[in-house]
Amino acid sequence: MGSEDFIGFIGGAIVACSFFPQIFRVIKLKRAYEISPFFTSLMLIGCILWAVYGFSLNLLPMMVLSVVNTTQVAVLMVLRYLYGRTQPKQSISDQITHDITQNN
């Protein structure tokens, strides 16, 4: 493995790690209405294309990490579908607090 592959693995691993906090947050809170379906769809298409590109050129770092990223984005899409159907209703006190903080 050359230095280029090492750099590819490091960069891809950093990108892969960036999805974990969002996935864990959605699972913990059981809500995902804030996540944009459009963004998630674009990310999924991009990850799939990167994977196809990596496999077509036989680039190991891109192949491995694109599959990891594609899987993570797909999981995020499923979680968005499961937990993002409706926005929870706010109580009157939450609405007042929100209005006060928005005006300051």
PDB file of N, CA and C in Angstrom:
ATOM      1  N   MET A   1       0.849  -1.173   0.000  1.00  0.00           N
ATOM      2  CA  MET A   1       0.000   0.000   0.000  1.00  0.00           C
ATOM      3  C   MET A   1       0.893   1.233   0.000  1.00  0.00           C
ATOM      4  N   GLY A   2       0.653   2.116  -0.977  1.00  0.00           N
ATOM      5  CA  GLY A   2       1.448   3.324  -1.097  1.00  0.00           C
ATOM      6  C   GLY A   2       0.894   4.447  -0.235  1.00  0.00           C
ATOM      7  N   SER A   3       1.625   5.542  -0.241  1.00  0.00           N
ATOM      8  CA  SER A   3       1.203   6.694   0.561  1.00  0.00           C
ATOM      9  C   SER A   3      -0.110   7.283   0.047  1.00  0.00           C
ATOM     10  N   GLU A   4      -0.358   7.170  -1.264  1.00  0.00           N
ATOM     11  CA  GLU A   4      -1.621   7.667  -1.821  1.00  0.00           C
ATOM     12  C   GLU A   4      -2.800   6.890  -1.258  1.00  0.00           C
ATOM     13  N   ASP A   5      -2.642   5.557  -1.179  1.00  0.00           N
ATOM     14  CA  ASP A   5      -3.713   4.729  -0.617  1.00  0.00           C
ATOM     15  C   ASP A   5      -3.935   5.055   0.857  1.00  0.00           C
ATOM     16  N   PHE A   6      -2.850   5.272   1.590  1.00  0.00           N
ATOM     17  CA  PHE A   6      -2.949   5.607   3.004  1.00  0.00           C
ATOM     18  C   PHE A   6      -3.718   6.914   3.186  1.00  0.00           C
ATOM     19  N   ILE A   7      -3.389   7.910   2.380  1.00  0.00           N
ATOM     20  CA  ILE A   7      -4.089   9.196   2.435  1.00  0.00           C
ATOM     21  C   ILE A   7      -5.562   9.002   2.076  1.00  0.00           C
ATOM     22  N   GLY A   8      -5.840   8.169   1.077  1.00  0.00           N
ATOM     23  CA  GLY A   8      -7.220   7.875   0.694  1.00  0.00           C
ATOM     24  C   GLY A   8      -8.004   7.230   1.818  1.00  0.00           C
ATOM     25  N   PHE A   9      -7.387   6.272   2.506  1.00  0.00           N
ATOM     26  CA  PHE A   9      -8.053   5.618   3.624  1.00  0.00           C
ATOM     27  C   PHE A   9      -8.315   6.600   4.767  1.00  0.00           C
ATOM     28  N   ILE A  10      -7.346   7.453   5.076  1.00  0.00           N
ATOM     29  CA  ILE A  10      -7.514   8.423   6.159  1.00  0.00           C
ATOM     30  C   ILE A  10      -8.642   9.400   5.827  1.00  0.00           C
ATOM     31  N   GLY A  11      -8.622   9.951   4.617  1.00  0.00           N
ATOM     32  CA  GLY A  11      -9.671  10.888   4.209  1.00  0.00           C
ATOM     33  C   GLY A  11     -11.043  10.241   4.204  1.00  0.00           C
ATOM     34  N   GLY A  12     -11.124   9.039   3.656  1.00  0.00           N
ATOM     35  CA  GLY A  12     -12.394   8.327   3.628  1.00  0.00           C
ATOM     36  C   GLY A  12     -12.897   7.959   5.006  1.00  0.00           C
ATOM     37  N   ALA A  13     -11.981   7.600   5.897  1.00  0.00           N
ATOM     38  CA  ALA A  13     -12.368   7.249   7.264  1.00  0.00           C
ATOM     39  C   ALA A  13     -12.921   8.463   7.999  1.00  0.00           C
ATOM     40  N   ILE A  14     -12.329   9.617   7.756  1.00  0.00           N
ATOM     41  CA  ILE A  14     -12.827  10.845   8.384  1.00  0.00           C
ATOM     42  C   ILE A  14     -14.239  11.143   7.896  1.00  0.00           C
ATOM     43  N   VAL A  15     -14.455  11.027   6.605  1.00  0.00           N
ATOM     44  CA  VAL A  15     -15.802  11.248   6.053  1.00  0.00           C
ATOM     45  C   VAL A  15     -16.781  10.217   6.613  1.00  0.00           C
ATOM     46  N   ALA A  16     -16.344   8.960   6.690  1.00  0.00           N
ATOM     47  CA  ALA A  16     -17.213   7.906   7.221  1.00  0.00           C
ATOM     48  C   ALA A  16     -17.580   8.188   8.673  1.00  0.00           C
ATOM     49  N   CYS A  17     -16.630   8.666   9.451  1.00  0.00           N
ATOM     50  CA  CYS A  17     -16.896   8.974  10.863  1.00  0.00           C
ATOM     51  C   CYS A  17     -17.864  10.142  11.025  1.00  0.00           C
ATOM     52  N   SER A  18     -17.956  10.994  10.018  1.00  0.00           N
ATOM     53  CA  SER A  18     -18.828  12.162  10.140  1.00  0.00           C
ATOM     54  C   SER A  18     -20.308  11.786  10.171  1.00  0.00           C
ATOM     55  N   PHE A  19     -20.670  10.627   9.671  1.00  0.00           N
ATOM     56  CA  PHE A  19     -22.065  10.204   9.671  1.00  0.00           C
ATOM     57  C   PHE A  19     -22.494   9.603  11.011  1.00  0.00           C
ATOM     58  N   PHE A  20     -21.572   9.034  11.756  1.00  0.00           N
ATOM     59  CA  PHE A  20     -21.927   8.345  12.999  1.00  0.00           C
ATOM     60  C   PHE A  20     -22.666   9.234  14.009  1.00  0.00           C
ATOM     61  N   PRO A  21     -22.207  10.458  14.279  1.00  0.00           N
ATOM     62  CA  PRO A  21     -22.943  11.264  15.266  1.00  0.00           C
ATOM     63  C   PRO A  21     -24.398  11.505  14.879  1.00  0.00           C
ATOM     64  N   GLN A  22     -24.647  11.740  13.594  1.00  0.00           N
ATOM     65  CA  GLN A  22     -26.019  11.977  13.148  1.00  0.00           C
ATOM     66  C   GLN A  22     -26.874  10.725  13.298  1.00  0.00           C
ATOM     67  N   ILE A  23     -26.323   9.588  12.925  1.00  0.00           N
ATOM     68  CA  ILE A  23     -27.062   8.323  13.039  1.00  0.00           C
ATOM     69  C   ILE A  23     -27.363   8.023  14.503  1.00  0.00           C
ATOM     70  N   PHE A  24     -26.366   8.167  15.375  1.00  0.00           N
ATOM     71  CA  PHE A  24     -26.583   7.902  16.801  1.00  0.00           C
ATOM     72  C   PHE A  24     -27.603   8.866  17.402  1.00  0.00           C
ATOM     73  N   ARG A  25     -27.563  10.124  16.973  1.00  0.00           N
ATOM     74  CA  ARG A  25     -28.508  11.113  17.489  1.00  0.00           C
ATOM     75  C   ARG A  25     -29.937  10.748  17.113  1.00  0.00           C
ATOM     76  N   VAL A  26     -30.139  10.372  15.861  1.00  0.00           N
ATOM     77  CA  VAL A  26     -31.482  10.000  15.399  1.00  0.00           C
ATOM     78  C   VAL A  26     -31.986   8.784  16.166  1.00  0.00           C
ATOM     79  N   ILE A  27     -31.123   7.801  16.359  1.00  0.00           N
ATOM     80  CA  ILE A  27     -31.532   6.593  17.095  1.00  0.00           C
ATOM     81  C   ILE A  27     -31.860   6.951  18.546  1.00  0.00           C
ATOM     82  N   LYS A  28     -31.044   7.775  19.164  1.00  0.00           N
ATOM     83  CA  LYS A  28     -31.251   8.141  20.567  1.00  0.00           C
ATOM     84  C   LYS A  28     -32.545   8.931  20.757  1.00  0.00           C
ATOM     85  N   LEU A  29     -32.766   9.936  19.910  1.00  0.00           N
ATOM     86  CA  LEU A  29     -33.929  10.807  20.056  1.00  0.00           C
ATOM     87  C   LEU A  29     -35.190  10.246  19.401  1.00  0.00           C
ATOM     88  N   LYS A  30     -35.008   9.285  18.518  1.00  0.00           N
ATOM     89  CA  LYS A  30     -36.116   8.699  17.761  1.00  0.00           C
ATOM     90  C   LYS A  30     -36.904   9.783  17.014  1.00  0.00           C
ATOM     91  N   ARG A  31     -36.156  10.703  16.450  1.00  0.00           N
ATOM     92  CA  ARG A  31     -36.773  11.720  15.601  1.00  0.00           C
ATOM     93  C   ARG A  31     -35.764  12.142  14.535  1.00  0.00           C
ATOM     94  N   ALA A  32     -36.300  12.402  13.347  1.00  0.00           N
ATOM     95  CA  ALA A  32     -35.414  12.757  12.240  1.00  0.00           C
ATOM     96  C   ALA A  32     -36.076  13.717  11.267  1.00  0.00           C
ATOM     97  N   TYR A  33     -37.105  14.423  11.735  1.00  0.00           N
ATOM     98  CA  TYR A  33     -37.808  15.324  10.829  1.00  0.00           C
ATOM     99  C   TYR A  33     -36.927  16.470  10.351  1.00  0.00           C
ATOM    100  N   GLU A  34     -35.819  16.756  11.079  1.00  0.00           N
ATOM    101  CA  GLU A  34     -34.925  17.845  10.689  1.00  0.00           C
ATOM    102  C   GLU A  34     -34.034  17.479   9.504  1.00  0.00           C
ATOM    103  N   ILE A  35     -33.904  16.197   9.239  1.00  0.00           N
ATOM    104  CA  ILE A  35     -33.000  15.744   8.177  1.00  0.00           C
ATOM    105  C   ILE A  35     -33.699  15.892   6.830  1.00  0.00           C
ATOM    106  N   SER A  36     -33.030  16.551   5.925  1.00  0.00           N
ATOM    107  CA  SER A  36     -33.597  16.794   4.602  1.00  0.00           C
ATOM    108  C   SER A  36     -33.570  15.525   3.751  1.00  0.00           C
ATOM    109  N   PRO A  37     -34.728  15.089   3.274  1.00  0.00           N
ATOM    110  CA  PRO A  37     -34.740  13.917   2.381  1.00  0.00           C
ATOM    111  C   PRO A  37     -33.990  14.202   1.078  1.00  0.00           C
ATOM    112  N   PHE A  38     -34.040  15.452   0.609  1.00  0.00           N
ATOM    113  CA  PHE A  38     -33.342  15.820  -0.615  1.00  0.00           C
ATOM    114  C   PHE A  38     -31.834  15.678  -0.429  1.00  0.00           C
ATOM    115  N   PHE A  39     -31.316  16.209   0.684  1.00  0.00           N
ATOM    116  CA  PHE A  39     -29.887  16.088   0.998  1.00  0.00           C
ATOM    117  C   PHE A  39     -29.473  14.622   1.075  1.00  0.00           C
ATOM    118  N   THR A  40     -30.262  13.834   1.797  1.00  0.00           N
ATOM    119  CA  THR A  40     -29.924  12.426   1.990  1.00  0.00           C
ATOM    120  C   THR A  40     -29.946  11.678   0.666  1.00  0.00           C
ATOM    121  N   SER A  41     -30.907  11.991  -0.190  1.00  0.00           N
ATOM    122  CA  SER A  41     -30.976  11.352  -1.511  1.00  0.00           C
ATOM    123  C   SER A  41     -29.768  11.706  -2.366  1.00  0.00           C
ATOM    124  N   LEU A  42     -29.392  12.981  -2.338  1.00  0.00           N
ATOM    125  CA  LEU A  42     -28.208  13.396  -3.105  1.00  0.00           C
ATOM    126  C   LEU A  42     -26.942  12.722  -2.584  1.00  0.00           C
ATOM    127  N   MET A  43     -26.827  12.640  -1.262  1.00  0.00           N
ATOM    128  CA  MET A  43     -25.661  11.971  -0.671  1.00  0.00           C
ATOM    129  C   MET A  43     -25.621  10.502  -1.080  1.00  0.00           C
ATOM    130  N   LEU A  44     -26.768   9.842  -1.068  1.00  0.00           N
ATOM    131  CA  LEU A  44     -26.806   8.432  -1.442  1.00  0.00           C
ATOM    132  C   LEU A  44     -26.390   8.243  -2.896  1.00  0.00           C
ATOM    133  N   ILE A  45     -26.916   9.064  -3.779  1.00  0.00           N
ATOM    134  CA  ILE A  45     -26.545   8.976  -5.200  1.00  0.00           C
ATOM    135  C   ILE A  45     -25.046   9.234  -5.370  1.00  0.00           C
ATOM    136  N   GLY A  46     -24.524  10.256  -4.687  1.00  0.00           N
ATOM    137  CA  GLY A  46     -23.094  10.567  -4.763  1.00  0.00           C
ATOM    138  C   GLY A  46     -22.226   9.424  -4.261  1.00  0.00           C
ATOM    139  N   CYS A  47     -22.616   8.821  -3.141  1.00  0.00           N
ATOM    140  CA  CYS A  47     -21.840   7.702  -2.582  1.00  0.00           C
ATOM    141  C   CYS A  47     -21.857   6.492  -3.514  1.00  0.00           C
ATOM    142  N   ILE A  48     -23.012   6.226  -4.097  1.00  0.00           N
ATOM    143  CA  ILE A  48     -23.103   5.105  -5.040  1.00  0.00           C
ATOM    144  C   ILE A  48     -22.203   5.355  -6.247  1.00  0.00           C
ATOM    145  N   LEU A  49     -22.229   6.578  -6.763  1.00  0.00           N
ATOM    146  CA  LEU A  49     -21.376   6.896  -7.920  1.00  0.00           C
ATOM    147  C   LEU A  49     -19.898   6.811  -7.572  1.00  0.00           C
ATOM    148  N   TRP A  50     -19.522   7.255  -6.359  1.00  0.00           N
ATOM    149  CA  TRP A  50     -18.129   7.131  -5.919  1.00  0.00           C
ATOM    150  C   TRP A  50     -17.737   5.662  -5.812  1.00  0.00           C
ATOM    151  N   ALA A  51     -18.640   4.824  -5.333  1.00  0.00           N
ATOM    152  CA  ALA A  51     -18.348   3.393  -5.224  1.00  0.00           C
ATOM    153  C   ALA A  51     -18.148   2.789  -6.611  1.00  0.00           C
ATOM    154  N   VAL A  52     -19.025   3.118  -7.540  1.00  0.00           N
ATOM    155  CA  VAL A  52     -18.887   2.609  -8.912  1.00  0.00           C
ATOM    156  C   VAL A  52     -17.559   3.074  -9.514  1.00  0.00           C
ATOM    157  N   TYR A  53     -17.225   4.334  -9.296  1.00  0.00           N
ATOM    158  CA  TYR A  53     -15.960   4.884  -9.784  1.00  0.00           C
ATOM    159  C   TYR A  53     -14.767   4.148  -9.184  1.00  0.00           C
ATOM    160  N   GLY A  54     -14.798   3.941  -7.876  1.00  0.00           N
ATOM    161  CA  GLY A  54     -13.705   3.232  -7.202  1.00  0.00           C
ATOM    162  C   GLY A  54     -13.539   1.813  -7.689  1.00  0.00           C
ATOM    163  N   PHE A  55     -14.662   1.104  -7.875  1.00  0.00           N
ATOM    164  CA  PHE A  55     -14.588  -0.271  -8.378  1.00  0.00           C
ATOM    165  C   PHE A  55     -14.128  -0.308  -9.824  1.00  0.00           C
ATOM    166  N   SER A  56     -14.557   0.672 -10.636  1.00  0.00           N
ATOM    167  CA  SER A  56     -14.154   0.661 -12.046  1.00  0.00           C
ATOM    168  C   SER A  56     -12.658   0.899 -12.211  1.00  0.00           C
ATOM    169  N   LEU A  57     -12.051   1.659 -11.293  1.00  0.00           N
ATOM    170  CA  LEU A  57     -10.606   1.925 -11.368  1.00  0.00           C
ATOM    171  C   LEU A  57      -9.802   1.029 -10.429  1.00  0.00           C
ATOM    172  N   ASN A  58     -10.500   0.152  -9.703  1.00  0.00           N
ATOM    173  CA  ASN A  58      -9.854  -0.765  -8.763  1.00  0.00           C
ATOM    174  C   ASN A  58      -9.037  -0.016  -7.707  1.00  0.00           C
ATOM    175  N   LEU A  59      -9.645   1.044  -7.168  1.00  0.00           N
ATOM    176  CA  LEU A  59      -9.000   1.845  -6.127  1.00  0.00           C
ATOM    177  C   LEU A  59      -9.507   1.363  -4.770  1.00  0.00           C
ATOM    178  N   LEU A  60      -8.683   0.602  -4.070  1.00  0.00           N
ATOM    179  CA  LEU A  60      -9.104  -0.038  -2.834  1.00  0.00           C
ATOM    180  C   LEU A  60      -9.661   0.931  -1.786  1.00  0.00           C
ATOM    181  N   PRO A  61      -8.984   2.048  -1.479  1.00  0.00           N
ATOM    182  CA  PRO A  61      -9.545   2.952  -0.462  1.00  0.00           C
ATOM    183  C   PRO A  61     -10.937   3.464  -0.850  1.00  0.00           C
ATOM    184  N   MET A  62     -11.092   3.812  -2.109  1.00  0.00           N
ATOM    185  CA  MET A  62     -12.375   4.338  -2.557  1.00  0.00           C
ATOM    186  C   MET A  62     -13.445   3.253  -2.562  1.00  0.00           C
ATOM    187  N   MET A  63     -13.067   2.032  -2.927  1.00  0.00           N
ATOM    188  CA  MET A  63     -14.040   0.935  -2.934  1.00  0.00           C
ATOM    189  C   MET A  63     -14.551   0.676  -1.526  1.00  0.00           C
ATOM    190  N   VAL A  64     -13.646   0.499  -0.594  1.00  0.00           N
ATOM    191  CA  VAL A  64     -14.020   0.141   0.781  1.00  0.00           C
ATOM    192  C   VAL A  64     -14.834   1.248   1.427  1.00  0.00           C
ATOM    193  N   LEU A  65     -14.321   2.459   1.394  1.00  0.00           N
ATOM    194  CA  LEU A  65     -14.962   3.546   2.125  1.00  0.00           C
ATOM    195  C   LEU A  65     -16.219   4.051   1.430  1.00  0.00           C
ATOM    196  N   SER A  66     -16.316   3.920   0.131  1.00  0.00           N
ATOM    197  CA  SER A  66     -17.553   4.288  -0.548  1.00  0.00           C
ATOM    198  C   SER A  66     -18.682   3.338  -0.180  1.00  0.00           C
ATOM    199  N   VAL A  67     -18.361   2.072  -0.027  1.00  0.00           N
ATOM    200  CA  VAL A  67     -19.374   1.115   0.407  1.00  0.00           C
ATOM    201  C   VAL A  67     -19.802   1.424   1.844  1.00  0.00           C
ATOM    202  N   VAL A  68     -18.839   1.755   2.703  1.00  0.00           N
ATOM    203  CA  VAL A  68     -19.163   2.123   4.089  1.00  0.00           C
ATOM    204  C   VAL A  68     -20.053   3.366   4.102  1.00  0.00           C
ATOM    205  N   ASN A  69     -19.666   4.394   3.358  1.00  0.00           N
ATOM    206  CA  ASN A  69     -20.444   5.639   3.328  1.00  0.00           C
ATOM    207  C   ASN A  69     -21.830   5.414   2.735  1.00  0.00           C
ATOM    208  N   THR A  70     -21.915   4.628   1.676  1.00  0.00           N
ATOM    209  CA  THR A  70     -23.210   4.331   1.068  1.00  0.00           C
ATOM    210  C   THR A  70     -24.121   3.637   2.073  1.00  0.00           C
ATOM    211  N   THR A  71     -23.570   2.705   2.821  1.00  0.00           N
ATOM    212  CA  THR A  71     -24.350   1.997   3.836  1.00  0.00           C
ATOM    213  C   THR A  71     -24.842   2.961   4.911  1.00  0.00           C
ATOM    214  N   GLN A  72     -23.969   3.849   5.359  1.00  0.00           N
ATOM    215  CA  GLN A  72     -24.355   4.806   6.398  1.00  0.00           C
ATOM    216  C   GLN A  72     -25.458   5.752   5.912  1.00  0.00           C
ATOM    217  N   VAL A  73     -25.342   6.232   4.703  1.00  0.00           N
ATOM    218  CA  VAL A  73     -26.367   7.139   4.173  1.00  0.00           C
ATOM    219  C   VAL A  73     -27.685   6.386   3.984  1.00  0.00           C
ATOM    220  N   ALA A  74     -27.607   5.133   3.547  1.00  0.00           N
ATOM    221  CA  ALA A  74     -28.826   4.332   3.413  1.00  0.00           C
ATOM    222  C   ALA A  74     -29.492   4.133   4.772  1.00  0.00           C
ATOM    223  N   VAL A  75     -28.689   3.874   5.810  1.00  0.00           N
ATOM    224  CA  VAL A  75     -29.230   3.740   7.170  1.00  0.00           C
ATOM    225  C   VAL A  75     -29.886   5.047   7.590  1.00  0.00           C
ATOM    226  N   LEU A  76     -29.249   6.171   7.306  1.00  0.00           N
ATOM    227  CA  LEU A  76     -29.810   7.467   7.652  1.00  0.00           C
ATOM    228  C   LEU A  76     -31.139   7.701   6.921  1.00  0.00           C
ATOM    229  N   MET A  77     -31.220   7.266   5.674  1.00  0.00           N
ATOM    230  CA  MET A  77     -32.476   7.392   4.925  1.00  0.00           C
ATOM    231  C   MET A  77     -33.584   6.561   5.558  1.00  0.00           C
ATOM    232  N   VAL A  78     -33.258   5.347   5.958  1.00  0.00           N
ATOM    233  CA  VAL A  78     -34.249   4.484   6.606  1.00  0.00           C
ATOM    234  C   VAL A  78     -34.697   5.105   7.923  1.00  0.00           C
ATOM    235  N   LEU A  79     -33.747   5.616   8.706  1.00  0.00           N
ATOM    236  CA  LEU A  79     -34.089   6.257   9.965  1.00  0.00           C
ATOM    237  C   LEU A  79     -34.952   7.497   9.727  1.00  0.00           C
ATOM    238  N   ARG A  80     -34.651   8.247   8.679  1.00  0.00           N
ATOM    239  CA  ARG A  80     -35.457   9.423   8.327  1.00  0.00           C
ATOM    240  C   ARG A  80     -36.883   8.994   8.013  1.00  0.00           C
ATOM    241  N   TYR A  81     -37.020   7.896   7.316  1.00  0.00           N
ATOM    242  CA  TYR A  81     -38.352   7.383   6.985  1.00  0.00           C
ATOM    243  C   TYR A  81     -39.079   6.915   8.252  1.00  0.00           C
ATOM    244  N   LEU A  82     -38.366   6.217   9.125  1.00  0.00           N
ATOM    245  CA  LEU A  82     -38.994   5.671  10.336  1.00  0.00           C
ATOM    246  C   LEU A  82     -39.353   6.744  11.358  1.00  0.00           C
ATOM    247  N   TYR A  83     -38.445   7.700  11.567  1.00  0.00           N
ATOM    248  CA  TYR A  83     -38.611   8.666  12.646  1.00  0.00           C
ATOM    249  C   TYR A  83     -38.916  10.080  12.169  1.00  0.00           C
ATOM    250  N   GLY A  84     -39.024  10.307  10.895  1.00  0.00           N
ATOM    251  CA  GLY A  84     -39.164  11.675  10.417  1.00  0.00           C
ATOM    252  C   GLY A  84     -40.482  12.014   9.781  1.00  0.00           C
ATOM    253  N   ARG A  85     -41.491  11.257  10.055  1.00  0.00           N
ATOM    254  CA  ARG A  85     -42.772  11.486   9.384  1.00  0.00           C
ATOM    255  C   ARG A  85     -43.452  12.761   9.828  1.00  0.00           C
ATOM    256  N   THR A  86     -43.465  13.012  11.108  1.00  0.00           N
ATOM    257  CA  THR A  86     -44.137  14.215  11.600  1.00  0.00           C
ATOM    258  C   THR A  86     -43.260  14.916  12.619  1.00  0.00           C
ATOM    259  N   GLN A  87     -43.412  16.208  12.639  1.00  0.00           N
ATOM    260  CA  GLN A  87     -42.705  17.006  13.633  1.00  0.00           C
ATOM    261  C   GLN A  87     -43.509  16.956  14.919  1.00  0.00           C
ATOM    262  N   PRO A  88     -42.852  16.693  16.045  1.00  0.00           N
ATOM    263  CA  PRO A  88     -43.605  16.646  17.300  1.00  0.00           C
ATOM    264  C   PRO A  88     -44.217  18.007  17.623  1.00  0.00           C
ATOM    265  N   LYS A  89     -45.400  17.976  18.207  1.00  0.00           N
ATOM    266  CA  LYS A  89     -46.071  19.215  18.583  1.00  0.00           C
ATOM    267  C   LYS A  89     -45.415  19.786  19.833  1.00  0.00           C
ATOM    268  N   GLN A  90     -45.287  21.108  19.830  1.00  0.00           N
ATOM    269  CA  GLN A  90     -44.699  21.784  20.972  1.00  0.00           C
ATOM    270  C   GLN A  90     -45.786  22.149  21.968  1.00  0.00           C
ATOM    271  N   SER A  91     -45.411  22.130  23.217  1.00  0.00           N
ATOM    272  CA  SER A  91     -46.336  22.601  24.233  1.00  0.00           C
ATOM    273  C   SER A  91     -46.385  24.122  24.172  1.00  0.00           C
ATOM    274  N   ILE A  92     -47.360  24.705  24.814  1.00  0.00           N
ATOM    275  CA  ILE A  92     -47.495  26.160  24.840  1.00  0.00           C
ATOM    276  C   ILE A  92     -46.242  26.806  25.440  1.00  0.00           C
ATOM    277  N   SER A  93     -45.717  26.231  26.519  1.00  0.00           N
ATOM    278  CA  SER A  93     -44.517  26.818  27.145  1.00  0.00           C
ATOM    279  C   SER A  93     -43.308  26.720  26.221  1.00  0.00           C
ATOM    280  N   ASP A  94     -43.191  25.620  25.458  1.00  0.00           N
ATOM    281  CA  ASP A  94     -42.095  25.496  24.497  1.00  0.00           C
ATOM    282  C   ASP A  94     -42.232  26.532  23.386  1.00  0.00           C
ATOM    283  N   GLN A  95     -43.466  26.794  22.939  1.00  0.00           N
ATOM    284  CA  GLN A  95     -43.690  27.785  21.890  1.00  0.00           C
ATOM    285  C   GLN A  95     -43.328  29.185  22.379  1.00  0.00           C
ATOM    286  N   ILE A  96     -43.720  29.507  23.606  1.00  0.00           N
ATOM    287  CA  ILE A  96     -43.409  30.821  24.172  1.00  0.00           C
ATOM    288  C   ILE A  96     -41.903  30.986  24.326  1.00  0.00           C
ATOM    289  N   THR A  97     -41.230  29.951  24.847  1.00  0.00           N
ATOM    290  CA  THR A  97     -39.776  29.992  25.000  1.00  0.00           C
ATOM    291  C   THR A  97     -39.098  30.174  23.650  1.00  0.00           C
ATOM    292  N   HIS A  98     -39.573  29.462  22.651  1.00  0.00           N
ATOM    293  CA  HIS A  98     -39.006  29.576  21.300  1.00  0.00           C
ATOM    294  C   HIS A  98     -39.197  30.982  20.760  1.00  0.00           C
ATOM    295  N   ASP A  99     -40.411  31.550  20.932  1.00  0.00           N
ATOM    296  CA  ASP A  99     -40.679  32.898  20.445  1.00  0.00           C
ATOM    297  C   ASP A  99     -39.812  33.930  21.137  1.00  0.00           C
ATOM    298  N   ILE A 100     -39.619  33.767  22.449  1.00  0.00           N
ATOM    299  CA  ILE A 100     -38.797  34.715  23.209  1.00  0.00           C
ATOM    300  C   ILE A 100     -37.345  34.656  22.741  1.00  0.00           C
ATOM    301  N   THR A 101     -36.799  33.459  22.557  1.00  0.00           N
ATOM    302  CA  THR A 101     -35.402  33.329  22.145  1.00  0.00           C
ATOM    303  C   THR A 101     -35.198  33.821  20.713  1.00  0.00           C
ATOM    304  N   GLN A 102     -36.218  33.697  19.873  1.00  0.00           N
ATOM    305  CA  GLN A 102     -36.101  34.158  18.492  1.00  0.00           C
ATOM    306  C   GLN A 102     -36.101  35.694  18.418  1.00  0.00           C
ATOM    307  N   ASN A 103     -36.789  36.325  19.350  1.00  0.00           N
ATOM    308  CA  ASN A 103     -36.875  37.788  19.344  1.00  0.00           C
ATOM    309  C   ASN A 103     -35.674  38.467  19.985  1.00  0.00           C
ATOM    310  N   ASN A 104     -34.851  37.718  20.688  1.00  0.00           N
ATOM    311  CA  ASN A 104     -33.673  38.315  21.353  1.00  0.00           C
ATOM    312  C   ASN A 104     -32.453  38.170  20.545  1.00  0.00           C
TER     313      ASN A 104
END
